[in-house]
Amino acid sequence: MSVAATTSPAIGTLYVSPSPRSRGMPRVTMALRSVVSVGSILTKLQQDCATPLPVIRHVADSMTADMRAGLAVDGGSNLKMILSYVDSLPSGNEKGLFYALDLGGTNFRALRVQLGGKEERVVATEFEQLSIPRELMFGTSEELFDFIASTLAGFAEKESKKFHLPHGRQREIGFTFSFPVKQTSIDSGILMKWTKGFAVSGTAGRDVVACLNEAMERQGLDMRVSALVNDTVGTLAGARYWDDDVMVAVILGTGTNACYVERTDCIPKLQGPKSSSGRTIINTEWGAFSDGIPLTVFDRDMDAASINPGEQIFEKTISGMYLGEIARRALVTMAGEGSLFGRAVPNKLSTPFALRTPDICAMQQDNSDDLQAVGSILHNVAGVESSLSARKIVLEVCDAFVKRGGRLAGAGIVGILQKMEEDSKGTIFNKRTVVAMDGGLYEHYPQYRSYLQDAVTELLGPEISKNIVIEHSKDGSGIGAALLAATNSKYDHDF
């Protein structure tokens, strides 16, 4: 007869058995090793990715400094601080029919909106979303843009009577193009390289707006692009249409980025005539930020195995693409060195990106006594059979990385606001200032949202933080692109 005394994997499992020494001793030794391993791995992980106030303050201050360096000269910091050439923002007075086209990955979307000015605002909208055929992702530039123009033509033909274009006018488009582009004006930009699995020949080094305009001409489609925008810039424009206090936009989804309204006299690298409004939107490309970010061994391993080692460190610690993967790597180590899920490491758990951020989000919403949902997700997604104590440890691992991600994102937002406040001498913190948020990570992960807000409040203090409104702006980038087509229309208007 044997007696088993079982405790949480966090402190190990001890087996006492009268079995022969050759069998009994290894069992005790393995268990004692797990006492050290799981507990010490978890403690070290939590220490390495901790974000106390001094850490997030350093991150915020470094973000501010990197922004200034990036505005001084191209290549001045990790932040590209790209000029958007968006010099006028929607006011609410916009009127007319405008289109938006969003190409951000394997799907693209066409949208039309009828604007009715201050009184009626958005009179009507319609949209259509389609997938890019895989063969076109590896085809020629002409083939891809002909397909987009053809689909757009079909969408335009379905225009209902709710939409009205004044006689003699072309339909104008806001084109959201979420690939690396060197923008040269509000309606032109050179493709630097394809990403996200695209390998289209003949486009790199060309103006993507010209590519689309030429394709529309070949289709006999009487439309033109009047604004080329990044999705983050579109989010800011879409939110600003409804709220004049919006000054910053942040996307926290699979990837992440931020943009904000900047004074043109604070951009040393801006050459030539300044905009009449005295302001423009700056696309920070803040995913490349890296100064002072607390990293674990699991972050470093994931980064080393990525397609861009040493790059996009901020994105790799705060965005939805990576949070589940970092947690998976920690759990694999705990399973291998600490027998968290028994004596073997499940093969499914060892598969990169098998555990996704929506999975860890769903686990963190489980408030049941037995954490049944956590157990089900571990079983279905990672092939793991888990005890209650193991499930609790899994939740601690997930929470450590999510807490760090949310708090770092909050620190980044404060870094942007600090920079604006310093240059405007009190016009940001002393009045209502809105940060528009979009992206599935922010929208669907309540713990992440809470940690982000906590960091902003800690950094700014209770009084100032009351003036900083962080609010969700769902799918603002689509209508934002159409609004920027309106504000940059070639036709006379009194917006």
Protein backbone atom coordinates (compact mmCIF):
# COMPACT_ATOMS: atom_id res chain seq x y z
CA MET A 1 0.00 0.00 0.00
CA SER A 2 1.32 3.49 -0.85
CA VAL A 3 0.34 6.90 0.45
CA ALA A 4 0.29 9.96 -1.83
CA ALA A 5 0.35 13.49 -0.45
CA THR A 6 -0.54 15.87 -3.28
CA THR A 7 -0.24 19.63 -3.33
CA SER A 8 -0.28 22.32 -5.99
CA PRO A 9 2.24 22.00 -8.84
CA ALA A 10 3.35 25.46 -7.76
CA ILE A 11 4.98 23.81 -4.76
CA GLY A 12 5.28 20.33 -6.20
CA THR A 13 3.91 16.83 -5.68
CA LEU A 14 5.44 14.46 -3.15
CA TYR A 15 4.94 10.70 -3.38
CA VAL A 16 5.80 8.44 -0.41
CA SER A 17 5.99 4.77 -1.31
CA PRO A 18 7.35 1.60 0.31
CA SER A 19 8.36 0.43 -3.16
CA PRO A 20 11.88 -0.88 -3.75
CA ARG A 21 14.51 1.81 -3.58
CA SER A 22 15.32 1.58 -7.27
CA ARG A 23 11.75 2.55 -8.12
CA GLY A 24 10.83 4.78 -5.19
CA MET A 25 13.79 7.15 -5.12
CA PRO A 26 13.49 8.46 -8.71
CA ARG A 27 9.82 9.22 -8.13
CA VAL A 28 10.66 11.31 -5.07
CA THR A 29 13.59 12.97 -6.85
CA MET A 30 11.48 13.91 -9.85
CA ALA A 31 8.80 15.33 -7.59
CA LEU A 32 11.27 17.36 -5.57
CA ARG A 33 12.76 18.72 -8.79
CA SER A 34 9.26 19.87 -9.79
CA VAL A 35 8.97 21.63 -6.44
CA VAL A 36 11.88 23.81 -7.46
CA SER A 37 11.13 24.10 -11.17
CA VAL A 38 7.51 25.20 -11.52
CA GLY A 39 7.61 27.56 -8.57
CA SER A 40 10.94 29.10 -9.49
CA ILE A 41 10.07 29.41 -13.19
CA LEU A 42 6.84 31.22 -12.32
CA THR A 43 8.54 33.52 -9.79
CA LYS A 44 11.37 34.36 -12.21
CA LEU A 45 8.87 35.00 -15.01
CA GLN A 46 6.81 37.35 -12.84
CA GLN A 47 9.92 39.21 -11.70
CA ASP A 48 11.33 39.59 -15.21
CA CYS A 49 8.18 41.04 -16.72
CA ALA A 50 7.10 43.15 -13.75
CA THR A 51 6.02 46.71 -14.58
CA PRO A 52 6.10 48.76 -11.37
CA LEU A 53 5.74 52.52 -11.62
CA PRO A 54 9.48 53.29 -12.16
CA VAL A 55 9.58 50.88 -15.13
CA ILE A 56 6.53 52.28 -16.91
CA ARG A 57 7.66 55.84 -16.18
CA HIS A 58 10.97 55.08 -17.88
CA VAL A 59 9.10 53.59 -20.85
CA ALA A 60 6.86 56.67 -21.15
CA ASP A 61 9.82 59.08 -20.94
CA SER A 62 11.81 57.04 -23.47
CA MET A 63 8.83 57.01 -25.86
CA THR A 64 8.70 60.82 -25.65
CA ALA A 65 12.46 61.10 -26.30
CA ASP A 66 12.35 58.67 -29.24
CA MET A 67 9.46 60.61 -30.78
CA ARG A 68 11.49 63.82 -30.70
CA ALA A 69 14.53 62.09 -32.20
CA GLY A 70 12.41 60.58 -34.99
CA LEU A 71 10.85 63.96 -35.79
CA ALA A 72 14.26 65.64 -35.96
CA VAL A 73 15.62 63.52 -38.79
CA ASP A 74 14.66 60.34 -40.66
CA GLY A 75 16.37 57.42 -38.94
CA GLY A 76 16.88 59.46 -35.76
CA SER A 77 15.30 56.75 -33.57
CA ASN A 78 13.55 53.39 -33.74
CA LEU A 79 10.30 55.31 -34.28
CA LYS A 80 9.90 56.24 -37.93
CA MET A 81 7.52 59.15 -37.15
CA ILE A 82 6.10 59.09 -40.70
CA LEU A 83 4.45 62.17 -42.16
CA SER A 84 0.89 61.29 -43.19
CA TYR A 85 0.24 64.48 -45.21
CA VAL A 86 -3.15 64.60 -43.50
CA ASP A 87 -3.23 68.31 -42.71
CA SER A 88 -6.97 68.80 -42.28
CA LEU A 89 -9.20 66.61 -40.14
CA PRO A 90 -12.93 65.89 -40.51
CA SER A 91 -15.08 68.58 -38.91
CA GLY A 92 -18.56 67.09 -39.26
CA ASN A 93 -19.48 69.50 -42.05
CA GLU A 94 -18.53 67.07 -44.82
CA LYS A 95 -21.23 66.37 -47.41
CA GLY A 96 -21.53 64.06 -50.39
CA LEU A 97 -20.85 60.48 -51.50
CA PHE A 98 -17.41 59.02 -50.81
CA TYR A 99 -15.86 55.58 -51.05
CA ALA A 100 -13.22 53.77 -48.99
CA LEU A 101 -11.10 50.81 -49.96
CA ASP A 102 -9.20 48.89 -47.29
CA LEU A 103 -6.39 46.51 -48.27
CA GLY A 104 -4.72 45.33 -45.10
CA GLY A 105 -4.06 41.65 -45.65
CA THR A 106 -5.74 38.64 -47.21
CA ASN A 107 -9.12 40.39 -47.07
CA PHE A 108 -10.09 43.69 -48.56
CA ARG A 109 -13.16 45.78 -48.05
CA ALA A 110 -15.03 48.37 -50.06
CA LEU A 111 -17.30 50.89 -48.33
CA ARG A 112 -19.42 53.86 -49.39
CA VAL A 113 -20.86 56.56 -47.22
CA GLN A 114 -23.30 59.41 -47.82
CA LEU A 115 -22.42 62.36 -45.60
CA GLY A 116 -25.01 64.97 -44.71
CA GLY A 117 -23.07 67.64 -42.81
CA LYS A 118 -23.45 68.62 -39.16
CA GLU A 119 -27.19 68.00 -39.03
CA GLU A 120 -27.41 64.58 -40.66
CA ARG A 121 -23.83 63.31 -40.32
CA VAL A 122 -23.73 59.75 -41.78
CA VAL A 123 -26.88 59.39 -43.87
CA ALA A 124 -26.15 55.89 -45.20
CA THR A 125 -23.35 53.32 -45.47
CA GLU A 126 -22.85 50.09 -47.37
CA PHE A 127 -19.85 47.78 -47.48
CA GLU A 128 -18.63 44.56 -48.99
CA GLN A 129 -15.73 42.37 -47.86
CA LEU A 130 -13.94 39.84 -50.02
CA SER A 131 -10.88 37.61 -49.84
CA ILE A 132 -7.88 38.04 -52.10
CA PRO A 133 -7.45 34.79 -54.10
CA ARG A 134 -4.21 33.16 -52.97
CA GLU A 135 -2.77 33.01 -56.48
CA LEU A 136 -3.01 36.79 -56.76
CA MET A 137 -0.84 37.17 -53.63
CA PHE A 138 1.98 35.69 -55.72
CA GLY A 139 0.99 37.13 -59.10
CA THR A 140 1.78 40.39 -60.86
CA SER A 141 0.95 43.90 -59.73
CA GLU A 142 -1.39 44.36 -62.69
CA GLU A 143 -3.31 41.17 -61.88
CA LEU A 144 -3.82 42.13 -58.23
CA PHE A 145 -4.94 45.70 -58.87
CA ASP A 146 -7.14 44.64 -61.80
CA PHE A 147 -8.92 42.22 -59.45
CA ILE A 148 -9.40 44.97 -56.84
CA ALA A 149 -10.64 47.45 -59.46
CA SER A 150 -12.98 44.87 -60.96
CA THR A 151 -14.46 44.07 -57.54
CA LEU A 152 -14.79 47.76 -56.76
CA ALA A 153 -16.60 48.29 -60.06
CA GLY A 154 -19.08 45.55 -59.16
CA PHE A 155 -19.63 47.15 -55.76
CA ALA A 156 -20.17 50.59 -57.33
CA GLU A 157 -22.79 49.17 -59.71
CA LYS A 158 -24.88 48.10 -56.70
CA GLU A 159 -25.09 51.68 -55.41
CA SER A 160 -28.63 52.14 -54.09
CA LYS A 161 -30.84 55.24 -54.33
CA LYS A 162 -29.80 56.26 -50.82
CA PHE A 163 -26.55 57.50 -52.35
CA HIS A 164 -26.27 60.58 -54.51
CA LEU A 165 -23.33 62.02 -56.43
CA PRO A 166 -23.62 65.60 -57.73
CA HIS A 167 -23.68 65.83 -61.51
CA GLY A 168 -20.30 66.03 -63.21
CA ARG A 169 -18.26 64.70 -60.30
CA GLN A 170 -16.01 61.65 -60.07
CA ARG A 171 -16.45 59.26 -57.18
CA GLU A 172 -13.53 59.78 -54.79
CA ILE A 173 -11.88 57.10 -52.68
CA GLY A 174 -9.96 56.99 -49.43
CA PHE A 175 -7.48 54.12 -49.84
CA THR A 176 -6.34 52.40 -46.62
CA PHE A 177 -3.19 50.49 -47.55
CA SER A 178 -1.60 48.75 -44.57
CA PHE A 179 1.75 47.77 -46.04
CA PRO A 180 5.09 49.61 -45.69
CA VAL A 181 4.81 52.75 -47.82
CA LYS A 182 6.92 55.87 -48.09
CA GLN A 183 4.20 58.47 -48.43
CA THR A 184 5.04 61.40 -50.69
CA SER A 185 1.74 63.32 -50.58
CA ILE A 186 -1.83 62.85 -49.39
CA ASP A 187 -2.62 60.84 -52.53
CA SER A 188 0.63 59.07 -53.37
CA GLY A 189 3.01 56.63 -51.73
CA ILE A 190 5.80 54.29 -52.82
CA LEU A 191 5.53 50.64 -51.76
CA MET A 192 8.72 49.72 -49.90
CA LYS A 193 8.01 45.98 -49.69
CA TRP A 194 5.15 43.54 -49.46
CA THR A 195 4.50 41.83 -46.10
CA LYS A 196 1.79 39.55 -44.59
CA GLY A 197 2.45 36.74 -47.03
CA PHE A 198 2.21 38.80 -50.24
CA ALA A 199 4.90 38.42 -52.90
CA VAL A 200 3.42 40.41 -55.80
CA SER A 201 5.89 41.25 -58.55
CA GLY A 202 6.22 44.66 -60.16
CA THR A 203 4.83 46.83 -57.34
CA ALA A 204 7.80 47.52 -55.04
CA GLY A 205 9.19 50.96 -55.77
CA ARG A 206 5.98 52.08 -57.46
CA ASP A 207 3.23 54.46 -56.36
CA VAL A 208 0.39 52.22 -55.15
CA VAL A 209 -2.20 54.93 -55.85
CA ALA A 210 -1.03 55.12 -59.47
CA CYS A 211 -1.31 51.31 -59.67
CA LEU A 212 -4.92 51.43 -58.50
CA ASN A 213 -5.88 54.46 -60.62
CA GLU A 214 -4.46 52.76 -63.73
CA ALA A 215 -6.37 49.56 -62.95
CA MET A 216 -9.61 51.53 -62.53
CA GLU A 217 -9.01 53.17 -65.91
CA ARG A 218 -8.55 49.75 -67.49
CA GLN A 219 -11.90 48.72 -65.99
CA GLY A 220 -13.54 51.88 -67.30
CA LEU A 221 -14.28 52.85 -63.69
CA ASP A 222 -14.69 56.61 -63.26
CA MET A 223 -13.21 56.93 -59.76
CA ARG A 224 -10.02 58.38 -58.28
CA VAL A 225 -8.06 58.05 -55.05
CA SER A 226 -7.96 61.37 -53.21
CA ALA A 227 -6.40 60.12 -49.95
CA LEU A 228 -3.93 57.33 -49.17
CA VAL A 229 -4.00 56.52 -45.46
CA ASN A 230 -2.61 54.16 -42.88
CA ASP A 231 -5.25 52.30 -40.84
CA THR A 232 -4.26 54.06 -37.61
CA VAL A 233 -4.59 57.46 -39.28
CA GLY A 234 -8.00 56.39 -40.58
CA THR A 235 -9.03 55.46 -37.03
CA LEU A 236 -8.08 58.93 -35.77
CA ALA A 237 -9.98 60.62 -38.59
CA GLY A 238 -13.06 58.46 -38.05
CA ALA A 239 -13.13 59.17 -34.31
CA ARG A 240 -12.41 62.89 -34.78
CA TYR A 241 -15.51 63.17 -36.99
CA TRP A 242 -17.67 62.49 -33.93
CA ASP A 243 -15.51 64.11 -31.27
CA ASP A 244 -13.32 67.20 -31.70
CA ASP A 245 -11.27 66.26 -28.63
CA VAL A 246 -9.71 63.17 -30.26
CA MET A 247 -5.95 63.77 -30.52
CA VAL A 248 -4.46 60.26 -30.52
CA ALA A 249 -5.43 56.92 -32.08
CA VAL A 250 -4.05 53.52 -31.12
CA ILE A 251 -4.63 50.13 -32.72
CA LEU A 252 -4.18 47.11 -30.47
CA GLY A 253 -5.09 44.01 -32.42
CA THR A 254 -2.96 41.35 -34.09
CA GLY A 255 -0.40 44.13 -34.50
CA THR A 256 -0.18 47.59 -33.00
CA ASN A 257 0.48 51.20 -33.97
CA ALA A 258 -0.30 54.73 -32.83
CA CYS A 259 -0.69 58.14 -34.44
CA TYR A 260 -1.42 61.60 -33.12
CA VAL A 261 -2.02 65.22 -34.11
CA GLU A 262 1.29 67.10 -34.24
CA ARG A 263 2.15 70.77 -34.67
CA THR A 264 4.11 71.33 -37.88
CA ASP A 265 6.50 73.71 -36.12
CA CYS A 266 7.55 70.77 -33.93
CA ILE A 267 8.75 68.66 -36.89
CA PRO A 268 12.33 69.71 -37.70
CA LYS A 269 12.60 67.19 -40.56
CA LEU A 270 9.56 68.67 -42.34
CA GLN A 271 10.88 70.46 -45.41
CA GLY A 272 9.07 72.86 -47.72
CA PRO A 273 5.90 74.83 -47.05
CA LYS A 274 3.98 74.03 -43.87
CA SER A 275 0.28 73.23 -43.91
CA SER A 276 -2.12 76.14 -43.53
CA SER A 277 -3.70 74.44 -40.51
CA GLY A 278 -0.35 74.32 -38.72
CA ARG A 279 -0.82 70.64 -37.85
CA THR A 280 -0.59 67.19 -39.34
CA ILE A 281 -1.01 63.58 -38.26
CA ILE A 282 2.17 61.66 -37.47
CA ASN A 283 2.21 57.87 -37.84
CA THR A 284 4.66 56.77 -35.12
CA GLU A 285 5.04 53.09 -36.10
CA TRP A 286 5.56 52.55 -32.37
CA GLY A 287 5.83 48.76 -32.67
CA ALA A 288 9.56 49.28 -33.26
CA PHE A 289 10.09 50.95 -29.86
CA SER A 290 12.38 48.99 -27.52
CA ASP A 291 13.92 51.14 -24.76
CA GLY A 292 13.47 49.85 -21.21
CA ILE A 293 11.00 47.06 -21.98
CA PRO A 294 11.23 44.26 -19.38
CA LEU A 295 11.82 40.93 -21.14
CA THR A 296 11.80 37.30 -20.05
CA VAL A 297 13.82 34.42 -21.47
CA PHE A 298 10.61 33.39 -23.27
CA ASP A 299 10.43 36.76 -25.06
CA ARG A 300 14.05 36.46 -26.13
CA ASP A 301 13.56 32.92 -27.42
CA MET A 302 10.46 33.92 -29.37
CA ASP A 303 12.22 36.95 -30.82
CA ALA A 304 15.22 34.85 -31.89
CA ALA A 305 12.88 32.41 -33.69
CA SER A 306 10.91 35.19 -35.43
CA ILE A 307 11.31 36.41 -39.01
CA ASN A 308 12.63 39.76 -37.70
CA PRO A 309 14.90 39.12 -34.70
CA GLY A 310 15.71 42.22 -32.69
CA GLU A 311 12.95 44.24 -34.34
CA GLN A 312 9.41 45.28 -33.31
CA ILE A 313 10.10 44.56 -29.63
CA PHE A 314 7.26 46.75 -28.34
CA GLU A 315 4.84 45.03 -30.72
CA LYS A 316 6.09 41.62 -29.60
CA THR A 317 5.30 42.42 -25.95
CA ILE A 318 1.94 44.21 -26.28
CA SER A 319 0.08 42.92 -29.36
CA GLY A 320 -2.31 40.06 -29.96
CA MET A 321 -0.04 38.23 -32.39
CA TYR A 322 2.40 37.32 -29.65
CA LEU A 323 0.82 37.22 -26.15
CA GLY A 324 -0.46 33.65 -26.54
CA GLU A 325 2.83 32.46 -28.00
CA ILE A 326 4.92 33.88 -25.14
CA ALA A 327 2.61 32.17 -22.65
CA ARG A 328 2.86 28.89 -24.60
CA ARG A 329 6.66 28.97 -24.43
CA ALA A 330 6.56 29.47 -20.67
CA LEU A 331 4.11 26.57 -20.25
CA VAL A 332 6.30 24.28 -22.39
CA THR A 333 9.25 24.99 -20.11
CA MET A 334 7.13 24.39 -17.01
CA ALA A 335 5.83 21.15 -18.50
CA GLY A 336 9.30 19.95 -19.46
CA GLU A 337 11.27 21.02 -16.41
CA GLY A 338 8.55 20.95 -13.79
CA SER A 339 6.10 18.28 -14.96
CA LEU A 340 3.26 20.80 -14.83
CA PHE A 341 1.01 18.54 -16.92
CA GLY A 342 2.50 15.19 -15.98
CA ARG A 343 5.67 13.48 -17.11
CA ALA A 344 5.51 14.37 -20.81
CA VAL A 345 5.20 17.58 -22.77
CA PRO A 346 2.17 17.28 -25.09
CA ASN A 347 3.14 17.53 -28.76
CA LYS A 348 0.39 20.04 -29.55
CA LEU A 349 1.65 22.37 -26.82
CA SER A 350 5.11 22.22 -28.42
CA THR A 351 3.76 23.59 -31.71
CA PRO A 352 4.62 27.29 -32.20
CA PHE A 353 1.57 29.58 -31.98
CA ALA A 354 -0.71 26.66 -30.99
CA LEU A 355 -1.93 28.76 -28.06
CA ARG A 356 -3.41 31.99 -29.38
CA THR A 357 -4.23 35.21 -27.59
CA PRO A 358 -8.03 34.60 -27.90
CA ASP A 359 -7.39 31.31 -26.04
CA ILE A 360 -5.64 32.93 -23.08
CA CYS A 361 -8.30 35.65 -23.05
CA ALA A 362 -11.06 33.03 -22.86
CA MET A 363 -9.23 31.22 -20.04
CA GLN A 364 -8.94 34.42 -18.03
CA GLN A 365 -12.72 34.90 -18.17
CA ASP A 366 -13.29 31.58 -16.33
CA ASN A 367 -14.48 32.33 -12.77
CA SER A 368 -15.73 28.83 -11.95
CA ASP A 369 -14.44 26.96 -8.90
CA ASP A 370 -12.97 24.12 -10.95
CA LEU A 371 -11.79 26.31 -13.86
CA GLN A 372 -13.53 23.95 -16.25
CA ALA A 373 -13.22 26.30 -19.24
CA VAL A 374 -9.47 26.59 -18.65
CA GLY A 375 -9.23 22.79 -18.62
CA SER A 376 -11.28 22.47 -21.81
CA ILE A 377 -9.19 25.02 -23.69
CA LEU A 378 -5.93 23.40 -22.58
CA HIS A 379 -7.26 20.02 -23.71
CA ASN A 380 -8.71 21.15 -27.04
CA VAL A 381 -6.00 23.59 -28.08
CA ALA A 382 -2.85 22.15 -26.54
CA GLY A 383 -3.68 18.49 -25.94
CA VAL A 384 -3.15 18.99 -22.20
CA GLU A 385 -4.82 17.11 -19.34
CA SER A 386 -4.63 19.42 -16.34
CA SER A 387 -5.31 19.38 -12.60
CA LEU A 388 -7.01 22.32 -10.86
CA SER A 389 -3.69 23.46 -9.39
CA ALA A 390 -2.05 23.35 -12.83
CA ARG A 391 -4.89 25.44 -14.28
CA LYS A 392 -4.32 28.07 -11.61
CA ILE A 393 -0.66 28.28 -12.57
CA VAL A 394 -1.60 28.60 -16.25
CA LEU A 395 -3.78 31.58 -15.35
CA GLU A 396 -0.93 33.18 -13.41
CA VAL A 397 1.36 32.82 -16.43
CA CYS A 398 -1.24 34.35 -18.76
CA ASP A 399 -1.94 37.20 -16.36
CA ALA A 400 1.75 38.08 -15.99
CA PHE A 401 2.19 38.63 -19.72
CA VAL A 402 -1.17 40.33 -20.24
CA LYS A 403 -0.55 42.67 -17.32
CA ARG A 404 2.84 43.63 -18.73
CA GLY A 405 1.35 44.14 -22.21
CA GLY A 406 -1.51 46.35 -21.04
CA ARG A 407 0.68 48.44 -18.75
CA LEU A 408 3.35 48.96 -21.42
CA ALA A 409 0.68 50.04 -23.91
CA GLY A 410 -0.63 52.50 -21.32
CA ALA A 411 2.91 53.84 -20.79
CA GLY A 412 3.30 54.30 -24.54
CA ILE A 413 0.09 56.34 -24.67
CA VAL A 414 1.34 58.53 -21.81
CA GLY A 415 4.63 58.99 -23.67
CA ILE A 416 2.74 60.43 -26.66
CA LEU A 417 0.55 62.64 -24.48
CA GLN A 418 3.59 63.92 -22.55
CA LYS A 419 5.28 64.99 -25.77
CA MET A 420 2.16 66.84 -26.91
CA GLU A 421 1.73 68.47 -23.50
CA GLU A 422 5.33 69.71 -23.36
CA ASP A 423 5.06 71.37 -26.78
CA SER A 424 1.59 72.82 -26.30
CA LYS A 425 2.32 74.17 -22.81
CA GLY A 426 -0.71 72.86 -21.00
CA THR A 427 -3.38 72.32 -23.63
CA ILE A 428 -3.46 68.51 -23.38
CA PHE A 429 -3.58 67.66 -19.67
CA ASN A 430 -5.71 70.61 -18.60
CA LYS A 431 -8.67 69.79 -20.80
CA ARG A 432 -10.58 66.77 -22.10
CA THR A 433 -8.31 64.83 -24.47
CA VAL A 434 -9.51 61.64 -26.18
CA VAL A 435 -7.45 58.62 -27.21
CA ALA A 436 -9.39 56.55 -29.77
CA MET A 437 -8.72 52.81 -29.51
CA ASP A 438 -9.40 50.13 -32.11
CA GLY A 439 -8.42 46.50 -32.56
CA GLY A 440 -9.68 43.16 -31.33
CA LEU A 441 -7.18 42.84 -28.47
CA TYR A 442 -8.38 46.04 -26.83
CA GLU A 443 -12.02 45.39 -27.67
CA HIS A 444 -12.28 41.80 -26.43
CA TYR A 445 -9.77 41.50 -23.56
CA PRO A 446 -11.17 43.19 -20.42
CA GLN A 447 -8.13 42.46 -18.25
CA TYR A 448 -5.84 44.02 -20.83
CA ARG A 449 -8.02 47.14 -21.01
CA SER A 450 -8.03 47.43 -17.24
CA TYR A 451 -4.25 47.12 -16.94
CA LEU A 452 -3.78 49.73 -19.66
CA GLN A 453 -6.06 52.21 -17.90
CA ASP A 454 -4.40 51.51 -14.53
CA ALA A 455 -0.99 52.40 -15.96
CA VAL A 456 -2.27 55.68 -17.44
CA THR A 457 -3.85 56.64 -14.11
CA GLU A 458 -0.71 55.75 -12.13
CA LEU A 459 1.54 57.76 -14.43
CA LEU A 460 -0.63 60.86 -14.72
CA GLY A 461 -2.17 60.86 -11.26
CA PRO A 462 -5.87 60.88 -10.39
CA GLU A 463 -6.59 64.50 -11.32
CA ILE A 464 -4.94 64.73 -14.75
CA SER A 465 -6.05 61.23 -15.74
CA LYS A 466 -9.68 62.36 -15.35
CA ASN A 467 -9.14 64.55 -18.43
CA ILE A 468 -7.70 61.71 -20.53
CA VAL A 469 -10.54 59.72 -22.06
CA ILE A 470 -9.57 56.36 -23.55
CA GLU A 471 -12.47 55.06 -25.58
CA HIS A 472 -13.16 52.33 -28.09
CA SER A 473 -13.71 53.48 -31.67
CA LYS A 474 -14.87 50.29 -33.38
CA ASP A 475 -13.92 50.00 -37.04
CA GLY A 476 -13.23 53.70 -37.36
CA SER A 477 -10.54 53.30 -39.99
CA GLY A 478 -12.98 52.45 -42.83
CA ILE A 479 -15.23 55.46 -42.50
CA GLY A 480 -12.16 57.49 -41.54
CA ALA A 481 -10.61 56.86 -44.96
CA ALA A 482 -13.84 57.97 -46.67
CA LEU A 483 -13.89 61.11 -44.51
CA LEU A 484 -10.30 61.90 -45.49
CA ALA A 485 -11.32 61.48 -49.12
CA ALA A 486 -13.96 64.13 -48.41
CA THR A 487 -11.62 66.57 -46.65
CA ASN A 488 -9.09 66.16 -49.47
CA SER A 489 -11.61 66.27 -52.32
CA LYS A 490 -10.46 67.96 -55.53
CA TYR A 491 -13.82 69.70 -55.72
CA ASP A 492 -14.65 72.99 -54.06
CA HIS A 493 -16.25 72.54 -50.68
CA ASP A 494 -17.03 74.56 -47.61
CA PHE A 495 -16.24 71.93 -44.99
